[in-house]
Amino acid sequence: MGAEVAPDPDTPMTVSEDFEVMPCNWQSVCAFLACETQWRAVPMTLGQMAQVVTEVVWIGLDYVAVDVVLRRMGLGDAVFADLQVMERAALDVFAEVRG
């Protein structure tokens, strides 16, 4: 929009986490990013009384919604297979974070 804003000294700077994508994987990565809002998750409440903790448990991608995304992007089964590989890797990371 053309507005320049000076950085806030009280706000920590974020670190860029750039990564390289091989050209043969570009469509799959774009599709994965396009599906970022299509994850299924459920809240899980653990504990009793005053010790209650609620966590989010990630189930996986909503394949019905993913199918819509892939069709709208004109992508097929090979990209869907790649998405499943990335989904499994992401679920492993989510599980590590949960501990």
N, C-alpha and C. Protein backbone atom coordinates (compact mmCIF):
# COMPACT_ATOMS: atom_id res chain seq x y z
N MET A 1 0.82 -1.18 0.00
CA MET A 1 0.00 0.00 0.00
C MET A 1 0.87 1.25 0.00
N GLY A 2 2.18 1.10 0.04
CA GLY A 2 3.07 2.24 -0.05
C GLY A 2 3.47 2.84 1.27
N ALA A 3 2.86 2.41 2.38
CA ALA A 3 3.20 2.98 3.68
C ALA A 3 4.46 2.31 4.21
N GLU A 4 5.36 3.10 4.73
CA GLU A 4 6.55 2.56 5.34
C GLU A 4 6.42 2.69 6.85
N VAL A 5 6.69 1.59 7.55
CA VAL A 5 6.55 1.56 9.00
C VAL A 5 7.90 1.16 9.58
N ALA A 6 8.37 1.96 10.53
CA ALA A 6 9.63 1.64 11.20
C ALA A 6 9.42 0.44 12.11
N PRO A 7 10.43 -0.45 12.21
CA PRO A 7 10.28 -1.61 13.10
C PRO A 7 10.13 -1.18 14.55
N ASP A 8 9.30 -1.90 15.26
CA ASP A 8 9.08 -1.66 16.69
C ASP A 8 10.24 -2.29 17.46
N PRO A 9 10.99 -1.51 18.24
CA PRO A 9 12.13 -2.09 18.97
C PRO A 9 11.72 -3.12 20.01
N ASP A 10 10.45 -3.11 20.43
CA ASP A 10 9.99 -4.07 21.43
C ASP A 10 9.51 -5.39 20.81
N THR A 11 9.40 -5.42 19.49
CA THR A 11 8.94 -6.62 18.80
C THR A 11 10.15 -7.39 18.30
N PRO A 12 10.27 -8.67 18.68
CA PRO A 12 11.42 -9.45 18.22
C PRO A 12 11.37 -9.65 16.71
N MET A 13 12.53 -9.63 16.09
CA MET A 13 12.63 -9.86 14.65
C MET A 13 12.41 -11.34 14.37
N THR A 14 11.73 -11.64 13.29
CA THR A 14 11.54 -13.03 12.92
C THR A 14 12.67 -13.48 12.01
N VAL A 15 12.99 -14.72 12.10
CA VAL A 15 14.04 -15.29 11.27
C VAL A 15 13.39 -15.93 10.05
N SER A 16 13.90 -15.60 8.89
CA SER A 16 13.38 -16.19 7.67
C SER A 16 13.81 -17.65 7.59
N GLU A 17 12.88 -18.51 7.28
CA GLU A 17 13.19 -19.92 7.14
C GLU A 17 13.02 -20.33 5.68
N ASP A 18 13.76 -19.67 4.81
CA ASP A 18 13.70 -19.98 3.39
C ASP A 18 14.21 -21.40 3.15
N PHE A 19 13.69 -22.03 2.14
CA PHE A 19 14.16 -23.36 1.76
C PHE A 19 14.09 -23.49 0.25
N GLU A 20 14.93 -24.33 -0.27
CA GLU A 20 14.99 -24.53 -1.71
C GLU A 20 14.02 -25.65 -2.10
N VAL A 21 13.36 -25.48 -3.23
CA VAL A 21 12.45 -26.49 -3.76
C VAL A 21 12.92 -26.87 -5.15
N MET A 22 13.10 -28.17 -5.34
CA MET A 22 13.49 -28.65 -6.67
C MET A 22 12.34 -28.38 -7.63
N PRO A 23 12.64 -28.00 -8.86
CA PRO A 23 11.57 -27.69 -9.83
C PRO A 23 10.54 -28.82 -9.99
N CYS A 24 10.97 -30.08 -9.90
CA CYS A 24 10.03 -31.19 -10.07
C CYS A 24 9.04 -31.29 -8.91
N ASN A 25 9.33 -30.62 -7.79
CA ASN A 25 8.45 -30.65 -6.61
C ASN A 25 7.64 -29.36 -6.43
N TRP A 26 7.84 -28.39 -7.31
CA TRP A 26 7.24 -27.07 -7.13
C TRP A 26 5.71 -27.14 -7.04
N GLN A 27 5.07 -27.87 -7.96
CA GLN A 27 3.60 -27.95 -7.93
C GLN A 27 3.10 -28.58 -6.63
N SER A 28 3.80 -29.60 -6.16
CA SER A 28 3.38 -30.27 -4.92
C SER A 28 3.51 -29.36 -3.72
N VAL A 29 4.58 -28.59 -3.65
CA VAL A 29 4.76 -27.66 -2.53
C VAL A 29 3.69 -26.57 -2.59
N CYS A 30 3.43 -26.05 -3.78
CA CYS A 30 2.37 -25.03 -3.92
C CYS A 30 1.02 -25.59 -3.50
N ALA A 31 0.73 -26.83 -3.87
CA ALA A 31 -0.53 -27.46 -3.49
C ALA A 31 -0.60 -27.64 -1.98
N PHE A 32 0.50 -28.06 -1.36
CA PHE A 32 0.53 -28.24 0.10
C PHE A 32 0.25 -26.91 0.80
N LEU A 33 0.87 -25.85 0.32
CA LEU A 33 0.64 -24.53 0.92
C LEU A 33 -0.79 -24.06 0.67
N ALA A 34 -1.36 -24.40 -0.49
CA ALA A 34 -2.74 -24.02 -0.78
C ALA A 34 -3.72 -24.75 0.12
N CYS A 35 -3.31 -25.89 0.68
CA CYS A 35 -4.16 -26.68 1.57
C CYS A 35 -3.95 -26.35 3.04
N GLU A 36 -3.24 -25.27 3.33
CA GLU A 36 -2.88 -24.98 4.72
C GLU A 36 -4.07 -24.80 5.64
N THR A 37 -5.24 -24.46 5.11
CA THR A 37 -6.42 -24.28 5.96
C THR A 37 -7.32 -25.51 5.95
N GLN A 38 -6.82 -26.61 5.40
CA GLN A 38 -7.66 -27.80 5.25
C GLN A 38 -7.28 -28.94 6.19
N TRP A 39 -6.69 -28.61 7.32
CA TRP A 39 -6.30 -29.62 8.30
C TRP A 39 -7.46 -29.94 9.23
N ARG A 40 -7.58 -31.21 9.59
CA ARG A 40 -8.55 -31.62 10.60
C ARG A 40 -7.83 -31.70 11.94
N ALA A 41 -8.44 -31.12 12.93
CA ALA A 41 -7.87 -31.13 14.28
C ALA A 41 -9.02 -31.26 15.27
N VAL A 42 -8.72 -31.87 16.42
CA VAL A 42 -9.72 -32.00 17.47
C VAL A 42 -9.12 -31.55 18.79
N PRO A 43 -9.92 -30.88 19.62
CA PRO A 43 -9.42 -30.53 20.96
C PRO A 43 -9.47 -31.76 21.86
N MET A 44 -8.46 -31.91 22.67
CA MET A 44 -8.43 -33.02 23.62
C MET A 44 -8.18 -32.44 25.00
N THR A 45 -9.09 -32.71 25.91
CA THR A 45 -8.96 -32.22 27.28
C THR A 45 -8.41 -33.35 28.15
N LEU A 46 -7.34 -33.03 28.85
CA LEU A 46 -6.67 -34.01 29.71
C LEU A 46 -6.68 -33.52 31.14
N GLY A 47 -6.74 -34.43 32.08
CA GLY A 47 -6.66 -34.06 33.49
C GLY A 47 -8.01 -34.04 34.17
N GLN A 48 -7.96 -33.62 35.43
CA GLN A 48 -9.17 -33.56 36.24
C GLN A 48 -9.20 -32.25 37.01
N MET A 49 -10.38 -31.74 37.19
CA MET A 49 -10.65 -30.55 37.99
C MET A 49 -9.68 -29.40 37.69
N ALA A 50 -8.87 -29.00 38.66
CA ALA A 50 -8.00 -27.82 38.52
C ALA A 50 -6.80 -28.07 37.62
N GLN A 51 -6.55 -29.32 37.24
CA GLN A 51 -5.39 -29.67 36.44
C GLN A 51 -5.74 -29.92 34.97
N VAL A 52 -6.81 -29.33 34.49
CA VAL A 52 -7.27 -29.58 33.12
C VAL A 52 -6.40 -28.84 32.12
N VAL A 53 -6.00 -29.56 31.09
CA VAL A 53 -5.21 -29.00 30.00
C VAL A 53 -5.90 -29.38 28.70
N THR A 54 -6.08 -28.43 27.82
CA THR A 54 -6.66 -28.72 26.52
C THR A 54 -5.59 -28.58 25.45
N GLU A 55 -5.46 -29.59 24.64
CA GLU A 55 -4.49 -29.61 23.55
C GLU A 55 -5.23 -29.80 22.23
N VAL A 56 -4.58 -29.45 21.16
CA VAL A 56 -5.12 -29.72 19.83
C VAL A 56 -4.38 -30.93 19.29
N VAL A 57 -5.15 -31.91 18.83
CA VAL A 57 -4.58 -33.10 18.21
C VAL A 57 -4.85 -33.01 16.71
N TRP A 58 -3.80 -33.02 15.94
CA TRP A 58 -3.92 -32.92 14.48
C TRP A 58 -4.18 -34.31 13.91
N ILE A 59 -5.27 -34.43 13.15
CA ILE A 59 -5.69 -35.71 12.58
C ILE A 59 -5.07 -35.90 11.20
N GLY A 60 -5.08 -34.88 10.39
CA GLY A 60 -4.56 -34.96 9.03
C GLY A 60 -5.32 -34.01 8.13
N LEU A 61 -5.01 -34.06 6.87
CA LEU A 61 -5.68 -33.21 5.90
C LEU A 61 -7.10 -33.72 5.64
N ASP A 62 -8.00 -32.80 5.38
CA ASP A 62 -9.37 -33.12 5.00
C ASP A 62 -9.34 -33.43 3.49
N TYR A 63 -9.36 -34.72 3.14
CA TYR A 63 -9.16 -35.11 1.74
C TYR A 63 -10.25 -34.61 0.80
N VAL A 64 -11.46 -34.43 1.30
CA VAL A 64 -12.52 -33.87 0.45
C VAL A 64 -12.14 -32.44 0.03
N ALA A 65 -11.69 -31.66 0.99
CA ALA A 65 -11.28 -30.28 0.69
C ALA A 65 -10.01 -30.26 -0.15
N VAL A 66 -9.08 -31.17 0.13
CA VAL A 66 -7.85 -31.25 -0.65
C VAL A 66 -8.17 -31.56 -2.11
N ASP A 67 -9.13 -32.46 -2.33
CA ASP A 67 -9.53 -32.80 -3.70
C ASP A 67 -10.03 -31.56 -4.44
N VAL A 68 -10.80 -30.74 -3.76
CA VAL A 68 -11.29 -29.50 -4.38
C VAL A 68 -10.11 -28.60 -4.74
N VAL A 69 -9.18 -28.44 -3.82
CA VAL A 69 -8.01 -27.59 -4.07
C VAL A 69 -7.23 -28.11 -5.28
N LEU A 70 -6.98 -29.42 -5.31
CA LEU A 70 -6.20 -29.98 -6.42
C LEU A 70 -6.93 -29.83 -7.75
N ARG A 71 -8.24 -30.08 -7.76
CA ARG A 71 -8.99 -29.91 -9.01
C ARG A 71 -8.98 -28.46 -9.47
N ARG A 72 -9.15 -27.52 -8.54
CA ARG A 72 -9.14 -26.10 -8.90
C ARG A 72 -7.78 -25.67 -9.44
N MET A 73 -6.71 -26.33 -8.95
CA MET A 73 -5.37 -26.01 -9.42
C MET A 73 -4.98 -26.81 -10.67
N GLY A 74 -5.85 -27.73 -11.08
CA GLY A 74 -5.58 -28.55 -12.26
C GLY A 74 -4.50 -29.59 -12.03
N LEU A 75 -4.40 -30.10 -10.79
CA LEU A 75 -3.36 -31.06 -10.44
C LEU A 75 -3.97 -32.44 -10.22
N GLY A 76 -3.15 -33.47 -10.37
CA GLY A 76 -3.68 -34.83 -10.33
C GLY A 76 -3.14 -35.71 -9.22
N ASP A 77 -3.18 -37.02 -9.50
CA ASP A 77 -2.87 -38.04 -8.51
C ASP A 77 -1.43 -38.01 -8.01
N ALA A 78 -0.48 -37.67 -8.87
CA ALA A 78 0.92 -37.64 -8.45
C ALA A 78 1.13 -36.57 -7.36
N VAL A 79 0.50 -35.43 -7.53
CA VAL A 79 0.61 -34.36 -6.53
C VAL A 79 -0.10 -34.78 -5.25
N PHE A 80 -1.25 -35.46 -5.37
CA PHE A 80 -1.93 -35.95 -4.18
C PHE A 80 -1.04 -36.91 -3.39
N ALA A 81 -0.33 -37.79 -4.10
CA ALA A 81 0.58 -38.72 -3.43
C ALA A 81 1.69 -37.95 -2.71
N ASP A 82 2.21 -36.90 -3.35
CA ASP A 82 3.23 -36.07 -2.70
C ASP A 82 2.67 -35.39 -1.45
N LEU A 83 1.41 -34.92 -1.54
CA LEU A 83 0.78 -34.28 -0.38
C LEU A 83 0.68 -35.25 0.80
N GLN A 84 0.39 -36.50 0.51
CA GLN A 84 0.29 -37.49 1.58
C GLN A 84 1.64 -37.69 2.27
N VAL A 85 2.71 -37.64 1.49
CA VAL A 85 4.06 -37.76 2.08
C VAL A 85 4.33 -36.56 2.99
N MET A 86 4.01 -35.35 2.50
CA MET A 86 4.23 -34.14 3.30
C MET A 86 3.32 -34.12 4.52
N GLU A 87 2.09 -34.60 4.36
CA GLU A 87 1.15 -34.68 5.49
C GLU A 87 1.71 -35.57 6.59
N ARG A 88 2.22 -36.75 6.22
CA ARG A 88 2.78 -37.68 7.21
C ARG A 88 3.96 -37.04 7.94
N ALA A 89 4.82 -36.34 7.19
CA ALA A 89 5.97 -35.67 7.82
C ALA A 89 5.50 -34.57 8.76
N ALA A 90 4.49 -33.81 8.35
CA ALA A 90 3.96 -32.74 9.21
C ALA A 90 3.34 -33.33 10.47
N LEU A 91 2.59 -34.42 10.34
CA LEU A 91 1.97 -35.04 11.52
C LEU A 91 3.04 -35.54 12.49
N ASP A 92 4.15 -36.05 11.97
CA ASP A 92 5.26 -36.47 12.84
C ASP A 92 5.82 -35.28 13.61
N VAL A 93 5.97 -34.14 12.94
CA VAL A 93 6.47 -32.93 13.61
C VAL A 93 5.47 -32.44 14.65
N PHE A 94 4.17 -32.44 14.30
CA PHE A 94 3.15 -32.02 15.27
C PHE A 94 3.19 -32.90 16.51
N ALA A 95 3.39 -34.21 16.32
CA ALA A 95 3.45 -35.13 17.45
C ALA A 95 4.67 -34.86 18.33
N GLU A 96 5.79 -34.52 17.71
CA GLU A 96 6.99 -34.17 18.48
C GLU A 96 6.76 -32.92 19.32
N VAL A 97 6.10 -31.95 18.73
CA VAL A 97 5.84 -30.68 19.44
C VAL A 97 4.94 -30.95 20.64
N ARG A 98 3.94 -31.82 20.47
CA ARG A 98 3.05 -32.16 21.59
C ARG A 98 3.80 -32.89 22.68
N GLY A 99 4.85 -33.58 22.30
CA GLY A 99 5.70 -34.21 23.28
C GLY A 99 5.31 -35.55 23.69
